[in-house]
Amino acid sequence: MMKMMMTMTKTMMKMIAGNKMKKTNNQFVKDIKHLKELIKQKHTEFALILMGGGAYSRKTINYSNKTKKFRIINHIDDSKQSLTKKQLMDEDYTLIGKAIPLRSLIAIIE
């Protein structure tokens, strides 16, 4: 089951790049530290994929060292959130925290 989910997620990553056959540089976000590193490198576009590729949401995520908050734009409805690290990991606020250990938050690197 897990192997099938990973295959579906990899296929979805390729589709996110706009071409099913195109090799991408997209990266799975490993943890919060990795997320911050990606943002610092100007990679702020992310895809959240859950349910083995059945649910997809594109997000823009930035981080402010000054306020210690993540600023998130949810492209599905243009809603905006400003969340602490604790809130980012809490399902009551967002599914990002749930997606990271499942290797379901992907940095879109073009």
N, C-alpha and C. Protein backbone atom coordinates (compact mmCIF):
# COMPACT_ATOMS: atom_id res chain seq x y z
N MET A 1 0.83 -1.20 0.00
CA MET A 1 0.00 0.00 0.00
C MET A 1 0.87 1.27 0.00
N MET A 2 1.91 1.27 0.88
CA MET A 2 2.77 2.44 0.97
C MET A 2 3.52 2.66 -0.35
N LYS A 3 3.98 1.57 -0.98
CA LYS A 3 4.70 1.68 -2.26
C LYS A 3 3.79 2.28 -3.32
N MET A 4 2.52 1.86 -3.34
CA MET A 4 1.57 2.39 -4.30
C MET A 4 1.34 3.89 -4.06
N MET A 5 1.25 4.30 -2.78
CA MET A 5 1.04 5.71 -2.47
C MET A 5 2.24 6.53 -2.91
N MET A 6 3.46 6.02 -2.72
CA MET A 6 4.65 6.75 -3.13
C MET A 6 4.70 6.89 -4.64
N THR A 7 4.33 5.83 -5.37
CA THR A 7 4.30 5.90 -6.83
C THR A 7 3.30 6.94 -7.30
N MET A 8 2.12 6.96 -6.66
CA MET A 8 1.10 7.94 -7.02
C MET A 8 1.59 9.35 -6.72
N THR A 9 2.28 9.53 -5.58
CA THR A 9 2.79 10.85 -5.22
C THR A 9 3.86 11.31 -6.20
N LYS A 10 4.75 10.42 -6.62
CA LYS A 10 5.78 10.78 -7.60
C LYS A 10 5.15 11.16 -8.93
N THR A 11 4.12 10.43 -9.34
CA THR A 11 3.41 10.76 -10.58
C THR A 11 2.76 12.13 -10.45
N MET A 12 2.17 12.41 -9.30
CA MET A 12 1.53 13.70 -9.07
C MET A 12 2.58 14.82 -9.10
N MET A 13 3.78 14.57 -8.57
CA MET A 13 4.84 15.58 -8.61
C MET A 13 5.18 15.94 -10.05
N LYS A 14 5.27 14.94 -10.92
CA LYS A 14 5.57 15.20 -12.32
C LYS A 14 4.45 15.99 -12.98
N MET A 15 3.22 15.68 -12.62
CA MET A 15 2.08 16.39 -13.20
C MET A 15 2.07 17.85 -12.75
N ILE A 16 2.49 18.10 -11.50
CA ILE A 16 2.55 19.47 -11.00
C ILE A 16 3.48 20.31 -11.86
N ALA A 17 4.56 19.70 -12.35
CA ALA A 17 5.51 20.42 -13.18
C ALA A 17 4.94 20.78 -14.54
N GLY A 18 3.77 20.25 -14.88
CA GLY A 18 3.13 20.64 -16.13
C GLY A 18 3.31 19.64 -17.25
N ASN A 19 4.09 18.62 -17.06
CA ASN A 19 4.33 17.64 -18.11
C ASN A 19 4.55 16.28 -17.45
N LYS A 20 3.69 15.34 -17.75
CA LYS A 20 3.74 14.04 -17.11
C LYS A 20 5.09 13.33 -17.29
N MET A 21 5.79 13.58 -18.38
CA MET A 21 7.05 12.90 -18.65
C MET A 21 8.27 13.72 -18.22
N LYS A 22 8.08 14.95 -17.81
CA LYS A 22 9.18 15.85 -17.47
C LYS A 22 9.79 15.49 -16.12
N LYS A 23 11.12 15.38 -16.08
CA LYS A 23 11.82 15.17 -14.81
C LYS A 23 11.85 16.51 -14.08
N THR A 24 11.60 16.48 -12.79
CA THR A 24 11.53 17.72 -12.02
C THR A 24 12.61 17.77 -10.95
N ASN A 25 12.83 18.95 -10.42
CA ASN A 25 13.73 19.16 -9.29
C ASN A 25 12.94 19.35 -8.01
N ASN A 26 11.64 19.10 -8.05
CA ASN A 26 10.80 19.26 -6.88
C ASN A 26 11.36 18.42 -5.73
N GLN A 27 11.14 18.90 -4.51
CA GLN A 27 11.67 18.20 -3.34
C GLN A 27 10.58 17.98 -2.30
N PHE A 28 10.61 16.81 -1.68
CA PHE A 28 9.76 16.58 -0.53
C PHE A 28 10.31 17.40 0.63
N VAL A 29 9.46 18.05 1.38
CA VAL A 29 9.89 18.79 2.57
C VAL A 29 10.07 17.77 3.69
N LYS A 30 11.27 17.73 4.27
CA LYS A 30 11.60 16.72 5.27
C LYS A 30 11.13 17.08 6.68
N ASP A 31 11.23 18.36 7.00
CA ASP A 31 10.86 18.84 8.34
C ASP A 31 10.77 20.36 8.30
N ILE A 32 10.48 20.97 9.44
CA ILE A 32 10.32 22.43 9.50
C ILE A 32 11.64 23.14 9.14
N LYS A 33 12.76 22.60 9.61
CA LYS A 33 14.06 23.20 9.29
C LYS A 33 14.28 23.21 7.78
N HIS A 34 13.96 22.11 7.12
CA HIS A 34 14.11 22.01 5.66
C HIS A 34 13.17 23.00 4.97
N LEU A 35 11.94 23.14 5.47
CA LEU A 35 10.98 24.10 4.92
C LEU A 35 11.56 25.51 4.97
N LYS A 36 12.13 25.89 6.11
CA LYS A 36 12.73 27.22 6.26
C LYS A 36 13.91 27.40 5.30
N GLU A 37 14.73 26.35 5.13
CA GLU A 37 15.87 26.43 4.20
C GLU A 37 15.39 26.65 2.76
N LEU A 38 14.36 25.93 2.37
CA LEU A 38 13.81 26.10 1.02
C LEU A 38 13.29 27.52 0.81
N ILE A 39 12.58 28.03 1.80
CA ILE A 39 12.05 29.40 1.72
C ILE A 39 13.20 30.40 1.62
N LYS A 40 14.23 30.19 2.41
CA LYS A 40 15.40 31.09 2.39
C LYS A 40 16.06 31.10 1.01
N GLN A 41 15.99 29.96 0.31
CA GLN A 41 16.55 29.84 -1.04
C GLN A 41 15.57 30.35 -2.11
N LYS A 42 14.51 31.01 -1.68
CA LYS A 42 13.50 31.61 -2.56
C LYS A 42 12.58 30.58 -3.22
N HIS A 43 12.49 29.38 -2.66
CA HIS A 43 11.53 28.39 -3.13
C HIS A 43 10.31 28.50 -2.22
N THR A 44 9.30 29.23 -2.69
CA THR A 44 8.14 29.50 -1.83
C THR A 44 6.84 28.87 -2.33
N GLU A 45 6.91 28.17 -3.46
CA GLU A 45 5.71 27.52 -3.99
C GLU A 45 5.72 26.05 -3.58
N PHE A 46 4.60 25.60 -3.03
CA PHE A 46 4.51 24.25 -2.51
C PHE A 46 3.20 23.60 -2.94
N ALA A 47 3.24 22.29 -3.02
CA ALA A 47 2.03 21.50 -3.27
C ALA A 47 1.85 20.57 -2.08
N LEU A 48 0.64 20.50 -1.61
CA LEU A 48 0.30 19.58 -0.53
C LEU A 48 -0.56 18.48 -1.15
N ILE A 49 -0.09 17.26 -1.03
CA ILE A 49 -0.79 16.13 -1.64
C ILE A 49 -1.12 15.13 -0.55
N LEU A 50 -2.38 14.81 -0.39
CA LEU A 50 -2.81 13.84 0.61
C LEU A 50 -3.68 12.77 -0.04
N MET A 51 -3.96 11.74 0.70
CA MET A 51 -4.80 10.63 0.25
C MET A 51 -4.24 9.99 -1.01
N GLY A 52 -2.91 9.78 -1.03
CA GLY A 52 -2.28 9.10 -2.16
C GLY A 52 -2.42 9.84 -3.47
N GLY A 53 -2.56 11.14 -3.42
CA GLY A 53 -2.69 11.94 -4.64
C GLY A 53 -4.12 12.34 -4.92
N GLY A 54 -5.05 11.93 -4.08
CA GLY A 54 -6.46 12.25 -4.29
C GLY A 54 -6.84 13.67 -3.90
N ALA A 55 -6.02 14.30 -3.06
CA ALA A 55 -6.27 15.68 -2.65
C ALA A 55 -5.01 16.50 -2.91
N TYR A 56 -5.18 17.65 -3.53
CA TYR A 56 -4.06 18.50 -3.93
C TYR A 56 -4.37 19.95 -3.60
N SER A 57 -3.40 20.64 -3.05
CA SER A 57 -3.57 22.06 -2.77
C SER A 57 -2.24 22.77 -2.99
N ARG A 58 -2.27 23.85 -3.75
CA ARG A 58 -1.04 24.62 -4.00
C ARG A 58 -1.00 25.79 -3.02
N LYS A 59 0.20 26.04 -2.48
CA LYS A 59 0.37 27.08 -1.47
C LYS A 59 1.63 27.89 -1.73
N THR A 60 1.59 29.14 -1.34
CA THR A 60 2.79 29.96 -1.27
C THR A 60 3.09 30.12 0.21
N ILE A 61 4.31 29.78 0.61
CA ILE A 61 4.67 29.85 2.03
C ILE A 61 5.93 30.69 2.18
N ASN A 62 5.87 31.66 3.06
CA ASN A 62 7.03 32.49 3.42
C ASN A 62 7.22 32.42 4.92
N TYR A 63 8.40 32.82 5.38
CA TYR A 63 8.69 32.82 6.81
C TYR A 63 9.33 34.13 7.20
N SER A 64 8.89 34.69 8.31
CA SER A 64 9.46 35.94 8.81
C SER A 64 10.28 35.64 10.06
N ASN A 65 11.58 35.92 10.00
CA ASN A 65 12.43 35.75 11.18
C ASN A 65 12.04 36.75 12.26
N LYS A 66 11.55 37.91 11.85
CA LYS A 66 11.19 38.96 12.80
C LYS A 66 9.99 38.54 13.66
N THR A 67 8.92 38.06 13.02
CA THR A 67 7.72 37.69 13.76
C THR A 67 7.70 36.21 14.15
N LYS A 68 8.62 35.41 13.56
CA LYS A 68 8.67 33.95 13.78
C LYS A 68 7.38 33.28 13.34
N LYS A 69 6.81 33.79 12.23
CA LYS A 69 5.57 33.23 11.71
C LYS A 69 5.70 32.86 10.24
N PHE A 70 4.96 31.83 9.88
CA PHE A 70 4.84 31.42 8.48
C PHE A 70 3.64 32.14 7.89
N ARG A 71 3.81 32.75 6.73
CA ARG A 71 2.70 33.39 6.02
C ARG A 71 2.34 32.48 4.86
N ILE A 72 1.10 32.08 4.80
CA ILE A 72 0.64 31.09 3.82
C ILE A 72 -0.49 31.68 2.99
N ILE A 73 -0.38 31.51 1.68
CA ILE A 73 -1.48 31.82 0.77
C ILE A 73 -1.97 30.49 0.22
N ASN A 74 -3.23 30.19 0.44
CA ASN A 74 -3.86 28.97 -0.07
C ASN A 74 -4.48 29.31 -1.42
N HIS A 75 -3.89 28.80 -2.50
CA HIS A 75 -4.31 29.17 -3.85
C HIS A 75 -5.71 28.67 -4.20
N ILE A 76 -6.19 27.66 -3.51
CA ILE A 76 -7.51 27.12 -3.83
C ILE A 76 -8.61 28.16 -3.61
N ASP A 77 -8.42 29.03 -2.60
CA ASP A 77 -9.45 30.04 -2.32
C ASP A 77 -8.87 31.42 -2.02
N ASP A 78 -7.56 31.59 -2.24
CA ASP A 78 -6.84 32.85 -1.98
C ASP A 78 -6.88 33.29 -0.52
N SER A 79 -7.17 32.36 0.39
CA SER A 79 -7.15 32.71 1.81
C SER A 79 -5.71 32.83 2.28
N LYS A 80 -5.52 33.63 3.33
CA LYS A 80 -4.19 33.87 3.87
C LYS A 80 -4.18 33.49 5.35
N GLN A 81 -3.03 32.96 5.78
CA GLN A 81 -2.84 32.60 7.17
C GLN A 81 -1.48 33.08 7.63
N SER A 82 -1.37 33.43 8.90
CA SER A 82 -0.10 33.76 9.54
C SER A 82 -0.01 32.87 10.77
N LEU A 83 0.90 31.88 10.73
CA LEU A 83 0.92 30.85 11.76
C LEU A 83 2.29 30.70 12.40
N THR A 84 2.28 30.43 13.70
CA THR A 84 3.52 30.08 14.40
C THR A 84 3.89 28.64 14.02
N LYS A 85 5.09 28.23 14.40
CA LYS A 85 5.52 26.85 14.13
C LYS A 85 4.56 25.86 14.78
N LYS A 86 4.14 26.14 16.00
CA LYS A 86 3.21 25.26 16.72
C LYS A 86 1.88 25.16 15.96
N GLN A 87 1.36 26.28 15.50
CA GLN A 87 0.10 26.29 14.74
C GLN A 87 0.26 25.57 13.41
N LEU A 88 1.43 25.72 12.75
CA LEU A 88 1.68 25.07 11.47
C LEU A 88 1.59 23.54 11.60
N MET A 89 1.95 23.03 12.76
CA MET A 89 1.93 21.59 12.99
C MET A 89 0.58 21.10 13.52
N ASP A 90 -0.36 22.01 13.75
CA ASP A 90 -1.67 21.69 14.34
C ASP A 90 -2.74 21.58 13.24
N GLU A 91 -3.37 20.41 13.13
CA GLU A 91 -4.40 20.18 12.10
C GLU A 91 -5.60 21.11 12.21
N ASP A 92 -5.80 21.73 13.37
CA ASP A 92 -6.91 22.68 13.50
C ASP A 92 -6.68 23.93 12.65
N TYR A 93 -5.43 24.19 12.27
CA TYR A 93 -5.09 25.36 11.47
C TYR A 93 -4.81 25.03 10.01
N THR A 94 -4.07 23.94 9.78
CA THR A 94 -3.65 23.58 8.42
C THR A 94 -3.24 22.11 8.39
N LEU A 95 -3.21 21.53 7.21
CA LEU A 95 -2.77 20.13 7.05
C LEU A 95 -1.27 20.03 6.75
N ILE A 96 -0.57 21.16 6.74
CA ILE A 96 0.85 21.16 6.42
C ILE A 96 1.63 20.29 7.40
N GLY A 97 1.38 20.44 8.68
CA GLY A 97 2.08 19.64 9.69
C GLY A 97 1.87 18.15 9.52
N LYS A 98 0.67 17.77 9.12
CA LYS A 98 0.36 16.36 8.87
C LYS A 98 1.08 15.87 7.61
N ALA A 99 1.19 16.73 6.61
CA ALA A 99 1.76 16.35 5.32
C ALA A 99 3.27 16.13 5.37
N ILE A 100 3.99 16.87 6.20
CA ILE A 100 5.45 16.79 6.21
C ILE A 100 5.96 15.38 6.53
N PRO A 101 5.57 14.75 7.63
CA PRO A 101 6.10 13.40 7.88
C PRO A 101 5.61 12.35 6.89
N LEU A 102 4.53 12.64 6.19
CA LEU A 102 4.01 11.71 5.17
C LEU A 102 4.68 11.92 3.81
N ARG A 103 5.64 12.85 3.76
CA ARG A 103 6.31 13.22 2.50
C ARG A 103 5.27 13.67 1.46
N SER A 104 4.36 14.49 1.93
CA SER A 104 3.28 14.97 1.07
C SER A 104 3.27 16.47 0.89
N LEU A 105 4.28 17.16 1.43
CA LEU A 105 4.45 18.59 1.14
C LEU A 105 5.66 18.69 0.22
N ILE A 106 5.44 19.25 -0.95
CA ILE A 106 6.45 19.24 -1.98
C ILE A 106 6.79 20.67 -2.40
N ALA A 107 8.08 20.97 -2.40
CA ALA A 107 8.55 22.27 -2.89
C ALA A 107 8.60 22.20 -4.41
N ILE A 108 7.93 23.15 -5.05
CA ILE A 108 7.91 23.19 -6.53
C ILE A 108 9.10 24.05 -6.96
N ILE A 109 10.08 23.40 -7.55
CA ILE A 109 11.31 24.08 -7.94
C ILE A 109 11.38 24.10 -9.45
N GLU A 110 11.28 25.29 -9.99
CA GLU A 110 11.26 25.43 -11.46
C GLU A 110 12.56 25.98 -11.99
